Amino acid sequence: MPMEYLQGLAWDELPLIESDVTNIDKLRVLRAAGMVEVQLPPVDASQPRAKVLYITGLGRATLRARGWPSSESRLRPLCDLEPSFD
């Protein structure tokens, strides 16, 4: 499920390269939902690779709303690439 994949991304060092086709499909869903920023390969790429840049604020809020993790401190810090609206 894409949400479980998103939970895993919260622990990963971002940006990261994903080459597993199943996970790239999950990233397509998460991107369409506005939960991650990712550079996706063309659908028909022979050797697909996606670059996950960051989990968006919406993605982080969704994780918190689902009760994961129980503490905000368990989420990795926001990536410098995420836009700031200060």
PDB file of N, CA and C in Angstrom:
ATOM      1  N   MET A   1       0.834  -1.183   0.000  1.00  0.00           N
ATOM      2  CA  MET A   1       0.000   0.000   0.000  1.00  0.00           C
ATOM      3  C   MET A   1       0.884   1.254   0.000  1.00  0.00           C
ATOM      4  N   PRO A   2       0.447   2.280  -0.684  1.00  0.00           N
ATOM      5  CA  PRO A   2       1.236   3.513  -0.723  1.00  0.00           C
ATOM      6  C   PRO A   2       1.481   4.140   0.651  1.00  0.00           C
ATOM      7  N   MET A   3       0.525   4.046   1.570  1.00  0.00           N
ATOM      8  CA  MET A   3       0.724   4.683   2.877  1.00  0.00           C
ATOM      9  C   MET A   3       1.835   4.000   3.670  1.00  0.00           C
ATOM     10  N   GLU A   4       1.931   2.697   3.561  1.00  0.00           N
ATOM     11  CA  GLU A   4       3.022   2.002   4.246  1.00  0.00           C
ATOM     12  C   GLU A   4       4.367   2.397   3.628  1.00  0.00           C
ATOM     13  N   TYR A   5       4.374   2.571   2.314  1.00  0.00           N
ATOM     14  CA  TYR A   5       5.598   3.023   1.644  1.00  0.00           C
ATOM     15  C   TYR A   5       5.955   4.434   2.119  1.00  0.00           C
ATOM     16  N   LEU A   6       4.953   5.301   2.259  1.00  0.00           N
ATOM     17  CA  LEU A   6       5.184   6.658   2.760  1.00  0.00           C
ATOM     18  C   LEU A   6       5.760   6.617   4.165  1.00  0.00           C
ATOM     19  N   GLN A   7       5.254   5.724   5.007  1.00  0.00           N
ATOM     20  CA  GLN A   7       5.805   5.578   6.362  1.00  0.00           C
ATOM     21  C   GLN A   7       7.284   5.210   6.302  1.00  0.00           C
ATOM     22  N   GLY A   8       7.631   4.312   5.397  1.00  0.00           N
ATOM     23  CA  GLY A   8       9.031   3.930   5.245  1.00  0.00           C
ATOM     24  C   GLY A   8       9.885   5.098   4.783  1.00  0.00           C
ATOM     25  N   LEU A   9       9.344   5.910   3.878  1.00  0.00           N
ATOM     26  CA  LEU A   9      10.092   7.076   3.395  1.00  0.00           C
ATOM     27  C   LEU A   9      10.388   8.058   4.517  1.00  0.00           C
ATOM     28  N   ALA A  10       9.508   8.127   5.506  1.00  0.00           N
ATOM     29  CA  ALA A  10       9.714   9.050   6.624  1.00  0.00           C
ATOM     30  C   ALA A  10      10.983   8.712   7.396  1.00  0.00           C
ATOM     31  N   TRP A  11      11.447   7.477   7.302  1.00  0.00           N
ATOM     32  CA  TRP A  11      12.668   7.055   7.989  1.00  0.00           C
ATOM     33  C   TRP A  11      13.900   7.166   7.098  1.00  0.00           C
ATOM     34  N   ASP A  12      13.689   7.252   5.786  1.00  0.00           N
ATOM     35  CA  ASP A  12      14.811   7.232   4.841  1.00  0.00           C
ATOM     36  C   ASP A  12      15.498   8.577   4.719  1.00  0.00           C
ATOM     37  N   GLU A  13      16.735   8.537   4.312  1.00  0.00           N
ATOM     38  CA  GLU A  13      17.502   9.738   3.976  1.00  0.00           C
ATOM     39  C   GLU A  13      17.046  10.181   2.591  1.00  0.00           C
ATOM     40  N   LEU A  14      16.511  11.375   2.502  1.00  0.00           N
ATOM     41  CA  LEU A  14      16.037  11.905   1.225  1.00  0.00           C
ATOM     42  C   LEU A  14      16.951  13.023   0.769  1.00  0.00           C
ATOM     43  N   PRO A  15      17.127  13.218  -0.505  1.00  0.00           N
ATOM     44  CA  PRO A  15      16.494  12.491  -1.602  1.00  0.00           C
ATOM     45  C   PRO A  15      17.062  11.085  -1.763  1.00  0.00           C
ATOM     46  N   LEU A  16      16.268  10.219  -2.401  1.00  0.00           N
ATOM     47  CA  LEU A  16      16.713   8.862  -2.674  1.00  0.00           C
ATOM     48  C   LEU A  16      16.240   8.434  -4.059  1.00  0.00           C
ATOM     49  N   ILE A  17      16.931   7.466  -4.609  1.00  0.00           N
ATOM     50  CA  ILE A  17      16.605   6.912  -5.927  1.00  0.00           C
ATOM     51  C   ILE A  17      15.862   5.600  -5.725  1.00  0.00           C
ATOM     52  N   GLU A  18      14.736   5.459  -6.398  1.00  0.00           N
ATOM     53  CA  GLU A  18      13.931   4.237  -6.339  1.00  0.00           C
ATOM     54  C   GLU A  18      13.884   3.625  -7.731  1.00  0.00           C
ATOM     55  N   SER A  19      14.205   2.343  -7.829  1.00  0.00           N
ATOM     56  CA  SER A  19      14.179   1.680  -9.130  1.00  0.00           C
ATOM     57  C   SER A  19      13.204   0.505  -9.179  1.00  0.00           C
ATOM     58  N   ASP A  20      12.583   0.166  -8.053  1.00  0.00           N
ATOM     59  CA  ASP A  20      11.597  -0.908  -8.025  1.00  0.00           C
ATOM     60  C   ASP A  20      10.287  -0.407  -8.645  1.00  0.00           C
ATOM     61  N   VAL A  21       9.810  -1.106  -9.674  1.00  0.00           N
ATOM     62  CA  VAL A  21       8.628  -0.666 -10.424  1.00  0.00           C
ATOM     63  C   VAL A  21       7.393  -0.583  -9.524  1.00  0.00           C
ATOM     64  N   THR A  22       7.234  -1.521  -8.628  1.00  0.00           N
ATOM     65  CA  THR A  22       6.081  -1.504  -7.719  1.00  0.00           C
ATOM     66  C   THR A  22       6.112  -0.261  -6.841  1.00  0.00           C
ATOM     67  N   ASN A  23       7.289   0.072  -6.321  1.00  0.00           N
ATOM     68  CA  ASN A  23       7.412   1.263  -5.479  1.00  0.00           C
ATOM     69  C   ASN A  23       7.256   2.542  -6.290  1.00  0.00           C
ATOM     70  N   ILE A  24       7.689   2.544  -7.526  1.00  0.00           N
ATOM     71  CA  ILE A  24       7.495   3.713  -8.389  1.00  0.00           C
ATOM     72  C   ILE A  24       6.013   3.938  -8.626  1.00  0.00           C
ATOM     73  N   ASP A  25       5.255   2.863  -8.795  1.00  0.00           N
ATOM     74  CA  ASP A  25       3.801   3.001  -8.930  1.00  0.00           C
ATOM     75  C   ASP A  25       3.193   3.604  -7.669  1.00  0.00           C
ATOM     76  N   LYS A  26       3.679   3.199  -6.496  1.00  0.00           N
ATOM     77  CA  LYS A  26       3.210   3.778  -5.240  1.00  0.00           C
ATOM     78  C   LYS A  26       3.554   5.267  -5.180  1.00  0.00           C
ATOM     79  N   LEU A  27       4.736   5.615  -5.674  1.00  0.00           N
ATOM     80  CA  LEU A  27       5.133   7.029  -5.698  1.00  0.00           C
ATOM     81  C   LEU A  27       4.231   7.837  -6.627  1.00  0.00           C
ATOM     82  N   ARG A  28       3.787   7.247  -7.715  1.00  0.00           N
ATOM     83  CA  ARG A  28       2.850   7.935  -8.612  1.00  0.00           C
ATOM     84  C   ARG A  28       1.559   8.281  -7.875  1.00  0.00           C
ATOM     85  N   VAL A  29       1.060   7.331  -7.090  1.00  0.00           N
ATOM     86  CA  VAL A  29      -0.163   7.550  -6.311  1.00  0.00           C
ATOM     87  C   VAL A  29       0.065   8.626  -5.257  1.00  0.00           C
ATOM     88  N   LEU A  30       1.173   8.522  -4.527  1.00  0.00           N
ATOM     89  CA  LEU A  30       1.474   9.496  -3.480  1.00  0.00           C
ATOM     90  C   LEU A  30       1.677  10.894  -4.050  1.00  0.00           C
ATOM     91  N   ARG A  31       2.306  10.982  -5.211  1.00  0.00           N
ATOM     92  CA  ARG A  31       2.496  12.293  -5.844  1.00  0.00           C
ATOM     93  C   ARG A  31       1.161  12.874  -6.281  1.00  0.00           C
ATOM     94  N   ALA A  32       0.298  12.036  -6.869  1.00  0.00           N
ATOM     95  CA  ALA A  32      -1.023  12.504  -7.300  1.00  0.00           C
ATOM     96  C   ALA A  32      -1.847  13.000  -6.111  1.00  0.00           C
ATOM     97  N   ALA A  33      -1.618  12.400  -4.942  1.00  0.00           N
ATOM     98  CA  ALA A  33      -2.316  12.812  -3.726  1.00  0.00           C
ATOM     99  C   ALA A  33      -1.664  14.018  -3.065  1.00  0.00           C
ATOM    100  N   GLY A  34      -0.507  14.468  -3.582  1.00  0.00           N
ATOM    101  CA  GLY A  34       0.182  15.630  -3.035  1.00  0.00           C
ATOM    102  C   GLY A  34       0.996  15.338  -1.791  1.00  0.00           C
ATOM    103  N   MET A  35       1.354  14.074  -1.587  1.00  0.00           N
ATOM    104  CA  MET A  35       2.059  13.706  -0.364  1.00  0.00           C
ATOM    105  C   MET A  35       3.569  13.629  -0.502  1.00  0.00           C
ATOM    106  N   VAL A  36       4.077  13.556  -1.723  1.00  0.00           N
ATOM    107  CA  VAL A  36       5.526  13.549  -1.948  1.00  0.00           C
ATOM    108  C   VAL A  36       5.848  14.401  -3.158  1.00  0.00           C
ATOM    109  N   GLU A  37       7.065  14.885  -3.180  1.00  0.00           N
ATOM    110  CA  GLU A  37       7.602  15.523  -4.381  1.00  0.00           C
ATOM    111  C   GLU A  37       8.614  14.549  -4.940  1.00  0.00           C
ATOM    112  N   VAL A  38       8.424  14.170  -6.192  1.00  0.00           N
ATOM    113  CA  VAL A  38       9.245  13.123  -6.788  1.00  0.00           C
ATOM    114  C   VAL A  38       9.421  13.407  -8.276  1.00  0.00           C
ATOM    115  N   GLN A  39      10.592  13.073  -8.790  1.00  0.00           N
ATOM    116  CA  GLN A  39      10.842  13.125 -10.230  1.00  0.00           C
ATOM    117  C   GLN A  39      10.598  11.711 -10.751  1.00  0.00           C
ATOM    118  N   LEU A  40       9.544  11.568 -11.537  1.00  0.00           N
ATOM    119  CA  LEU A  40       9.134  10.247 -12.015  1.00  0.00           C
ATOM    120  C   LEU A  40       9.658   9.971 -13.416  1.00  0.00           C
ATOM    121  N   PRO A  41       9.951   8.697 -13.707  1.00  0.00           N
ATOM    122  CA  PRO A  41      10.382   8.330 -15.064  1.00  0.00           C
ATOM    123  C   PRO A  41       9.154   8.214 -15.970  1.00  0.00           C
ATOM    124  N   PRO A  42       9.364   8.221 -17.279  1.00  0.00           N
ATOM    125  CA  PRO A  42       8.243   7.958 -18.186  1.00  0.00           C
ATOM    126  C   PRO A  42       7.670   6.569 -17.891  1.00  0.00           C
ATOM    127  N   VAL A  43       6.374   6.411 -18.125  1.00  0.00           N
ATOM    128  CA  VAL A  43       5.709   5.137 -17.842  1.00  0.00           C
ATOM    129  C   VAL A  43       6.340   3.986 -18.614  1.00  0.00           C
ATOM    130  N   ASP A  44       6.804   4.243 -19.824  1.00  0.00           N
ATOM    131  CA  ASP A  44       7.350   3.183 -20.672  1.00  0.00           C
ATOM    132  C   ASP A  44       8.877   3.063 -20.603  1.00  0.00           C
ATOM    133  N   ALA A  45       9.498   3.619 -19.581  1.00  0.00           N
ATOM    134  CA  ALA A  45      10.959   3.562 -19.458  1.00  0.00           C
ATOM    135  C   ALA A  45      11.425   2.116 -19.301  1.00  0.00           C
ATOM    136  N   SER A  46      12.496   1.764 -19.992  1.00  0.00           N
ATOM    137  CA  SER A  46      13.006   0.393 -19.919  1.00  0.00           C
ATOM    138  C   SER A  46      13.698   0.111 -18.587  1.00  0.00           C
ATOM    139  N   GLN A  47      14.358   1.097 -18.021  1.00  0.00           N
ATOM    140  CA  GLN A  47      14.993   0.971 -16.710  1.00  0.00           C
ATOM    141  C   GLN A  47      14.539   2.150 -15.854  1.00  0.00           C
ATOM    142  N   PRO A  48      13.315   2.055 -15.296  1.00  0.00           N
ATOM    143  CA  PRO A  48      12.759   3.204 -14.572  1.00  0.00           C
ATOM    144  C   PRO A  48      13.508   3.509 -13.280  1.00  0.00           C
ATOM    145  N   ARG A  49      13.660   4.795 -13.039  1.00  0.00           N
ATOM    146  CA  ARG A  49      14.256   5.287 -11.799  1.00  0.00           C
ATOM    147  C   ARG A  49      13.518   6.561 -11.417  1.00  0.00           C
ATOM    148  N   ALA A  50      13.099   6.620 -10.176  1.00  0.00           N
ATOM    149  CA  ALA A  50      12.436   7.815  -9.656  1.00  0.00           C
ATOM    150  C   ALA A  50      13.326   8.417  -8.585  1.00  0.00           C
ATOM    151  N   LYS A  51      13.280   9.727  -8.465  1.00  0.00           N
ATOM    152  CA  LYS A  51      14.042  10.414  -7.420  1.00  0.00           C
ATOM    153  C   LYS A  51      13.042  11.047  -6.455  1.00  0.00           C
ATOM    154  N   VAL A  52      12.997  10.519  -5.236  1.00  0.00           N
ATOM    155  CA  VAL A  52      12.117  11.045  -4.200  1.00  0.00           C
ATOM    156  C   VAL A  52      12.831  12.222  -3.555  1.00  0.00           C
ATOM    157  N   LEU A  53      12.241  13.403  -3.666  1.00  0.00           N
ATOM    158  CA  LEU A  53      12.871  14.613  -3.147  1.00  0.00           C
ATOM    159  C   LEU A  53      12.510  14.868  -1.686  1.00  0.00           C
ATOM    160  N   TYR A  54      11.213  14.844  -1.376  1.00  0.00           N
ATOM    161  CA  TYR A  54      10.782  15.067   0.000  1.00  0.00           C
ATOM    162  C   TYR A  54       9.328  14.666   0.193  1.00  0.00           C
ATOM    163  N   ILE A  55       8.967  14.481   1.459  1.00  0.00           N
ATOM    164  CA  ILE A  55       7.578  14.282   1.845  1.00  0.00           C
ATOM    165  C   ILE A  55       7.000  15.671   2.081  1.00  0.00           C
ATOM    166  N   THR A  56       5.875  15.950   1.490  1.00  0.00           N
ATOM    167  CA  THR A  56       5.272  17.279   1.622  1.00  0.00           C
ATOM    168  C   THR A  56       4.649  17.459   3.006  1.00  0.00           C
ATOM    169  N   GLY A  57       4.262  18.682   3.288  1.00  0.00           N
ATOM    170  CA  GLY A  57       3.551  18.959   4.537  1.00  0.00           C
ATOM    171  C   GLY A  57       2.282  18.137   4.637  1.00  0.00           C
ATOM    172  N   LEU A  58       1.563  17.991   3.527  1.00  0.00           N
ATOM    173  CA  LEU A  58       0.348  17.176   3.516  1.00  0.00           C
ATOM    174  C   LEU A  58       0.677  15.723   3.840  1.00  0.00           C
ATOM    175  N   GLY A  59       1.756  15.211   3.274  1.00  0.00           N
ATOM    176  CA  GLY A  59       2.155  13.844   3.562  1.00  0.00           C
ATOM    177  C   GLY A  59       2.487  13.645   5.027  1.00  0.00           C
ATOM    178  N   ARG A  60       3.203  14.582   5.611  1.00  0.00           N
ATOM    179  CA  ARG A  60       3.555  14.506   7.030  1.00  0.00           C
ATOM    180  C   ARG A  60       2.315  14.631   7.909  1.00  0.00           C
ATOM    181  N   ALA A  61       1.407  15.535   7.538  1.00  0.00           N
ATOM    182  CA  ALA A  61       0.170  15.692   8.307  1.00  0.00           C
ATOM    183  C   ALA A  61      -0.676  14.424   8.234  1.00  0.00           C
ATOM    184  N   THR A  62      -0.690  13.786   7.089  1.00  0.00           N
ATOM    185  CA  THR A  62      -1.442  12.543   6.926  1.00  0.00           C
ATOM    186  C   THR A  62      -0.852  11.446   7.802  1.00  0.00           C
ATOM    187  N   LEU A  63       0.461  11.357   7.839  1.00  0.00           N
ATOM    188  CA  LEU A  63       1.098  10.371   8.717  1.00  0.00           C
ATOM    189  C   LEU A  63       0.730  10.631  10.176  1.00  0.00           C
ATOM    190  N   ARG A  64       0.777  11.885  10.593  1.00  0.00           N
ATOM    191  CA  ARG A  64       0.427  12.215  11.982  1.00  0.00           C
ATOM    192  C   ARG A  64      -1.037  11.894  12.266  1.00  0.00           C
ATOM    193  N   ALA A  65      -1.933  12.215  11.321  1.00  0.00           N
ATOM    194  CA  ALA A  65      -3.364  11.969  11.511  1.00  0.00           C
ATOM    195  C   ALA A  65      -3.664  10.474  11.623  1.00  0.00           C
ATOM    196  N   ARG A  66      -2.852   9.658  10.984  1.00  0.00           N
ATOM    197  CA  ARG A  66      -3.034   8.210  11.065  1.00  0.00           C
ATOM    198  C   ARG A  66      -2.356   7.625  12.297  1.00  0.00           C
ATOM    199  N   GLY A  67      -1.788   8.510  13.137  1.00  0.00           N
ATOM    200  CA  GLY A  67      -1.178   8.042  14.369  1.00  0.00           C
ATOM    201  C   GLY A  67       0.220   7.504  14.204  1.00  0.00           C
ATOM    202  N   TRP A  68       0.863   7.826  13.090  1.00  0.00           N
ATOM    203  CA  TRP A  68       2.222   7.339  12.887  1.00  0.00           C
ATOM    204  C   TRP A  68       3.115   8.498  12.510  1.00  0.00           C
ATOM    205  N   PRO A  69       4.229   8.644  13.068  1.00  0.00           N
ATOM    206  CA  PRO A  69       4.628   7.990  14.315  1.00  0.00           C
ATOM    207  C   PRO A  69       3.930   8.657  15.472  1.00  0.00           C
ATOM    208  N   SER A  70       4.040   8.086  16.639  1.00  0.00           N
ATOM    209  CA  SER A  70       3.346   8.636  17.797  1.00  0.00           C
ATOM    210  C   SER A  70       3.989   9.952  18.245  1.00  0.00           C
ATOM    211  N   SER A  71       5.207  10.196  17.818  1.00  0.00           N
ATOM    212  CA  SER A  71       5.918  11.420  18.192  1.00  0.00           C
ATOM    213  C   SER A  71       6.487  12.080  16.945  1.00  0.00           C
ATOM    214  N   GLU A  72       6.277  13.368  16.806  1.00  0.00           N
ATOM    215  CA  GLU A  72       6.811  14.119  15.656  1.00  0.00           C
ATOM    216  C   GLU A  72       8.324  13.983  15.566  1.00  0.00           C
ATOM    217  N   SER A  73       8.983  13.820  16.706  1.00  0.00           N
ATOM    218  CA  SER A  73      10.446  13.746  16.703  1.00  0.00           C
ATOM    219  C   SER A  73      10.957  12.496  15.987  1.00  0.00           C
ATOM    220  N   ARG A  74      10.090  11.500  15.757  1.00  0.00           N
ATOM    221  CA  ARG A  74      10.517  10.291  15.065  1.00  0.00           C
ATOM    222  C   ARG A  74      10.569  10.500  13.560  1.00  0.00           C
ATOM    223  N   LEU A  75       9.919  11.544  13.047  1.00  0.00           N
ATOM    224  CA  LEU A  75      10.018  11.848  11.624  1.00  0.00           C
ATOM    225  C   LEU A  75      11.355  12.505  11.341  1.00  0.00           C
ATOM    226  N   ARG A  76      11.937  12.163  10.202  1.00  0.00           N
ATOM    227  CA  ARG A  76      13.183  12.819   9.805  1.00  0.00           C
ATOM    228  C   ARG A  76      12.890  14.295   9.573  1.00  0.00           C
ATOM    229  N   PRO A  77      13.864  15.165   9.771  1.00  0.00           N
ATOM    230  CA  PRO A  77      13.655  16.587   9.532  1.00  0.00           C
ATOM    231  C   PRO A  77      13.253  16.841   8.083  1.00  0.00           C
ATOM    232  N   LEU A  78      12.548  17.917   7.882  1.00  0.00           N
ATOM    233  CA  LEU A  78      12.161  18.297   6.529  1.00  0.00           C
ATOM    234  C   LEU A  78      13.406  18.527   5.684  1.00  0.00           C
ATOM    235  N   CYS A  79      13.342  18.137   4.448  1.00  0.00           N
ATOM    236  CA  CYS A  79      14.454  18.325   3.510  1.00  0.00           C
ATOM    237  C   CYS A  79      14.575  19.814   3.171  1.00  0.00           C
ATOM    238  N   ASP A  80      15.775  20.267   2.905  1.00  0.00           N
ATOM    239  CA  ASP A  80      15.995  21.657   2.531  1.00  0.00           C
ATOM    240  C   ASP A  80      15.294  22.004   1.222  1.00  0.00           C
ATOM    241  N   LEU A  81      14.951  20.986   0.426  1.00  0.00           N
ATOM    242  CA  LEU A  81      14.314  21.254  -0.857  1.00  0.00           C
ATOM    243  C   LEU A  81      12.852  21.627  -0.716  1.00  0.00           C
ATOM    244  N   GLU A  82      12.225  21.339   0.433  1.00  0.00           N
ATOM    245  CA  GLU A  82      10.823  21.641   0.583  1.00  0.00           C
ATOM    246  C   GLU A  82      10.642  23.150   0.660  1.00  0.00           C
ATOM    247  N   PRO A  83       9.681  23.680  -0.090  1.00  0.00           N
ATOM    248  CA  PRO A  83       9.488  25.131  -0.102  1.00  0.00           C
ATOM    249  C   PRO A  83       9.060  25.643   1.263  1.00  0.00           C
ATOM    250  N   SER A  84       9.477  26.826   1.575  1.00  0.00           N
ATOM    251  CA  SER A  84       9.118  27.467   2.818  1.00  0.00           C
ATOM    252  C   SER A  84       8.208  28.650   2.512  1.00  0.00           C
ATOM    253  N   PHE A  85       7.201  28.843   3.340  1.00  0.00           N
ATOM    254  CA  PHE A  85       6.258  29.937   3.123  1.00  0.00           C
ATOM    255  C   PHE A  85       6.338  30.934   4.259  1.00  0.00           C
ATOM    256  N   ASP A  86       7.550  31.163   4.771  1.00  0.00           N
ATOM    257  CA  ASP A  86       7.747  32.101   5.881  1.00  0.00           C
ATOM    258  C   ASP A  86       7.472  33.523   5.440  1.00  0.00           C
TER     259      ASP A  86
END
